[in-house]
Amino acid sequence: TMSHLTDLRLKNSMAIIMTDDQARDLGRALPKLHTLSLSRTATVAQSSMPHLSLRSLAHFAQCCPNIQSMGLYVEAMANIPSPSEAIQFSVLRVLHLGYSAISLQAVTPVIRFLARSLPVDSTLAVLSDGVQNFSITQRIPVESITERHRAWREVQHTLTWMQEGKKISTENDRALRRRVEVLEKDNARLKSLLGCAERS
């Protein structure tokens, strides 16, 4: 049945006509998805039709816990959801937002929302980035000087920097916990030796 589908890819030069509520219904209908691509390669959207927003990411994160690769065209020009509305994906490895619409004014709220949505080990791909094995294999640094290009590169670079910082912090926390465990064992061993010495 469709509920067992793990891979869904729809390719079109125009953005898919779908509301965020419909995205939630799709996620509920296909909970086992590992790969989802909805008009990721689209470069334009019909202005008079409804389109996905970043809010759809929260629906897919909640309804499709096994999703690892996602490509969407979203409208990120305004009305960006707050970070409190974000739901972090469990195992997402790559999110490709292609040529989704974005403005320079929306860069900061987009970063804040995506930072709460993406796991530390995930990758954000944008524009014409090539992706293979969950990693960006081709990134053209200067494709154009349009507002859309500048905005998405700023989002991408900032998120990469933030995730690297989180990784370092996580590694430091683990190293500290290991050190504390060693000290606790040494302390217990010392107490045991002292106890033996006092009894003798």
Protein backbone atom coordinates (compact mmCIF):
# COMPACT_ATOMS: atom_id res chain seq x y z
CA THR A 1 0.00 0.00 0.00
CA MET A 2 0.98 3.65 -0.32
CA SER A 3 1.58 3.88 3.43
CA HIS A 4 4.67 1.68 2.99
CA LEU A 5 6.20 3.93 0.31
CA THR A 6 9.77 4.93 1.20
CA ASP A 7 10.75 7.04 -1.83
CA LEU A 8 8.67 9.78 -3.47
CA ARG A 9 10.13 12.16 -6.06
CA LEU A 10 8.12 14.59 -8.16
CA LYS A 11 10.09 16.66 -10.66
CA ASN A 12 8.70 19.79 -12.27
CA SER A 13 10.01 23.14 -13.47
CA MET A 14 7.21 24.86 -11.54
CA ALA A 15 6.82 24.66 -7.77
CA ILE A 16 4.30 22.11 -6.59
CA ILE A 17 0.90 23.55 -5.72
CA MET A 18 0.38 22.41 -2.15
CA THR A 19 -0.50 23.99 1.18
CA ASP A 20 1.26 23.25 4.46
CA ASP A 21 -1.87 21.45 5.70
CA GLN A 22 -1.77 19.23 2.62
CA ALA A 23 1.90 18.55 3.34
CA ARG A 24 0.91 17.40 6.82
CA ASP A 25 -1.72 15.08 5.32
CA LEU A 26 0.87 13.71 2.89
CA GLY A 27 3.30 13.04 5.72
CA ARG A 28 0.63 11.25 7.72
CA ALA A 29 -0.26 9.11 4.70
CA LEU A 30 3.41 8.21 4.03
CA PRO A 31 5.01 7.77 7.46
CA LYS A 32 7.75 5.41 6.23
CA LEU A 33 9.32 7.86 3.77
CA HIS A 34 13.11 7.90 3.61
CA THR A 35 13.38 10.18 0.57
CA LEU A 36 11.03 12.98 -0.47
CA SER A 37 11.47 15.46 -3.31
CA LEU A 38 8.65 17.80 -4.31
CA SER A 39 9.58 20.03 -7.24
CA ARG A 40 12.99 20.63 -5.68
CA THR A 41 14.45 21.68 -9.04
CA ALA A 42 11.73 24.24 -9.68
CA THR A 43 12.91 27.79 -10.24
CA VAL A 44 9.58 29.62 -10.23
CA ALA A 45 6.16 29.39 -8.59
CA GLN A 46 2.75 30.47 -9.79
CA SER A 47 2.01 33.58 -7.75
CA SER A 48 -1.73 33.01 -7.55
CA MET A 49 -1.43 29.47 -6.20
CA PRO A 50 -0.65 28.15 -2.69
CA HIS A 51 2.86 26.86 -2.05
CA LEU A 52 4.72 25.20 0.76
CA SER A 53 6.34 27.33 3.43
CA LEU A 54 9.06 26.40 5.92
CA ARG A 55 6.26 25.36 8.26
CA SER A 56 5.84 22.22 6.13
CA LEU A 57 9.20 21.03 7.44
CA ALA A 58 7.74 20.68 10.94
CA HIS A 59 4.90 18.54 9.56
CA PHE A 60 7.28 16.19 7.76
CA ALA A 61 9.61 16.01 10.78
CA GLN A 62 6.69 14.99 12.96
CA CYS A 63 4.97 12.61 10.55
CA CYS A 64 7.97 11.00 8.81
CA PRO A 65 10.53 10.12 11.51
CA ASN A 66 12.68 8.02 9.13
CA ILE A 67 13.17 10.65 6.45
CA GLN A 68 16.83 11.09 5.52
CA SER A 69 16.75 13.13 2.32
CA MET A 70 14.31 15.91 1.45
CA GLY A 71 14.09 18.36 -1.42
CA LEU A 72 11.44 21.09 -1.53
CA TYR A 73 10.57 24.38 -3.13
CA VAL A 74 9.27 26.64 -0.38
CA GLU A 75 8.21 30.26 -0.09
CA ALA A 76 10.53 31.93 2.42
CA MET A 77 9.93 35.56 1.55
CA ALA A 78 7.93 36.52 4.64
CA ASN A 79 5.83 35.10 7.50
CA ILE A 80 8.66 32.78 8.54
CA PRO A 81 7.55 30.51 11.41
CA SER A 82 9.20 31.12 14.76
CA PRO A 83 11.87 28.75 16.12
CA SER A 84 9.36 27.55 18.73
CA GLU A 85 7.27 26.07 15.91
CA ALA A 86 10.18 24.00 14.59
CA ILE A 87 10.40 20.25 15.12
CA GLN A 88 13.84 18.72 14.73
CA PHE A 89 14.18 15.89 12.24
CA SER A 90 15.35 12.62 13.75
CA VAL A 91 17.68 11.24 11.07
CA LEU A 92 17.62 13.80 8.25
CA ARG A 93 20.96 13.88 6.43
CA VAL A 94 20.33 16.44 3.69
CA LEU A 95 17.75 19.14 3.05
CA HIS A 96 17.85 20.64 -0.45
CA LEU A 97 15.81 23.81 -0.89
CA GLY A 98 16.95 24.47 -4.46
CA TYR A 99 15.84 27.82 -5.82
CA SER A 100 13.16 28.41 -3.21
CA ALA A 101 11.98 32.00 -2.95
CA ILE A 102 13.69 34.04 -0.23
CA SER A 103 14.44 37.67 0.52
CA LEU A 104 17.46 39.17 2.25
CA GLN A 105 15.14 40.46 4.97
CA ALA A 106 14.07 36.89 5.74
CA VAL A 107 17.60 35.49 6.13
CA THR A 108 17.81 35.80 9.93
CA PRO A 109 14.38 34.27 10.75
CA VAL A 110 15.03 31.50 8.21
CA ILE A 111 18.35 30.69 9.89
CA ARG A 112 16.72 30.61 13.32
CA PHE A 113 13.97 28.26 12.16
CA LEU A 114 16.28 25.91 10.26
CA ALA A 115 18.77 25.82 13.13
CA ARG A 116 16.04 24.31 15.32
CA SER A 117 14.85 21.96 12.56
CA LEU A 118 18.05 20.35 11.31
CA PRO A 119 20.11 17.75 13.18
CA VAL A 120 23.76 18.63 13.81
CA ASP A 121 25.02 16.10 11.25
CA SER A 122 22.69 17.22 8.46
CA THR A 123 23.57 19.28 5.39
CA LEU A 124 21.66 22.16 3.83
CA ALA A 125 21.95 22.29 0.04
CA VAL A 126 20.60 25.21 -1.99
CA LEU A 127 20.44 26.54 -5.54
CA SER A 128 22.26 24.20 -7.95
CA ASP A 129 24.33 22.36 -5.32
CA GLY A 130 24.99 18.76 -6.30
CA VAL A 131 24.44 16.12 -3.61
CA GLN A 132 25.74 12.56 -3.46
CA ASN A 133 25.74 10.23 -0.47
CA PHE A 134 24.24 12.99 1.67
CA SER A 135 27.14 15.36 0.97
CA ILE A 136 27.44 18.40 -1.29
CA THR A 137 29.65 17.40 -4.22
CA GLN A 138 29.36 20.51 -6.35
CA ARG A 139 28.89 24.04 -5.12
CA ILE A 140 29.23 26.86 -7.62
CA PRO A 141 30.36 29.87 -5.54
CA VAL A 142 29.21 32.60 -7.92
CA GLU A 143 26.14 31.71 -9.97
CA SER A 144 24.60 35.15 -10.00
CA ILE A 145 24.41 38.22 -7.84
CA THR A 146 20.65 38.03 -7.42
CA GLU A 147 19.08 38.57 -4.03
CA ARG A 148 17.96 34.93 -3.95
CA HIS A 149 21.50 33.63 -4.43
CA ARG A 150 23.01 35.94 -1.84
CA ALA A 151 20.30 35.14 0.69
CA TRP A 152 20.54 31.36 0.40
CA ARG A 153 24.34 31.36 0.52
CA GLU A 154 24.22 33.46 3.68
CA VAL A 155 21.73 31.03 5.24
CA GLN A 156 23.84 28.06 4.19
CA HIS A 157 27.16 29.45 5.41
CA THR A 158 25.74 30.61 8.75
CA LEU A 159 24.04 27.28 9.45
CA THR A 160 27.24 25.40 8.59
CA TRP A 161 29.17 27.57 11.04
CA MET A 162 26.54 27.05 13.75
CA GLN A 163 26.50 23.29 13.27
CA GLU A 164 30.28 23.09 13.44
CA GLY A 165 30.12 24.97 16.73
CA LYS A 166 27.50 22.54 18.06
CA LYS A 167 29.66 19.57 17.04
CA ILE A 168 32.68 20.99 18.87
CA SER A 169 30.55 21.70 21.94
CA THR A 170 29.12 18.16 21.87
CA GLU A 171 32.59 16.63 21.55
CA ASN A 172 33.87 18.75 24.44
CA ASP A 173 30.90 17.69 26.59
CA ARG A 174 31.59 14.02 25.84
CA ALA A 175 35.28 14.42 26.64
CA LEU A 176 34.41 16.16 29.90
CA ARG A 177 31.96 13.40 30.88
CA ARG A 178 34.59 10.75 30.15
CA ARG A 179 37.10 12.64 32.29
CA VAL A 180 34.60 12.92 35.15
CA GLU A 181 33.92 9.17 34.95
CA VAL A 182 37.66 8.44 35.17
CA LEU A 183 38.04 10.76 38.16
CA GLU A 184 35.06 9.17 39.90
CA LYS A 185 36.55 5.70 39.42
CA ASP A 186 39.93 6.91 40.69
CA ASN A 187 38.24 8.50 43.70
CA ALA A 188 36.33 5.30 44.48
CA ARG A 189 39.53 3.27 44.18
CA LEU A 190 41.37 5.69 46.49
CA LYS A 191 38.59 5.51 49.09
CA SER A 192 38.73 1.74 48.95
CA LEU A 193 42.51 1.74 49.50
CA LEU A 194 42.19 4.19 52.40
CA GLY A 195 39.50 2.04 53.95
CA CYS A 196 41.71 -1.02 53.75
CA ALA A 197 44.62 0.90 55.26
CA GLU A 198 42.53 2.12 58.20
CA ARG A 199 41.24 -1.40 58.97
CA SER A 200 44.74 -2.82 58.96
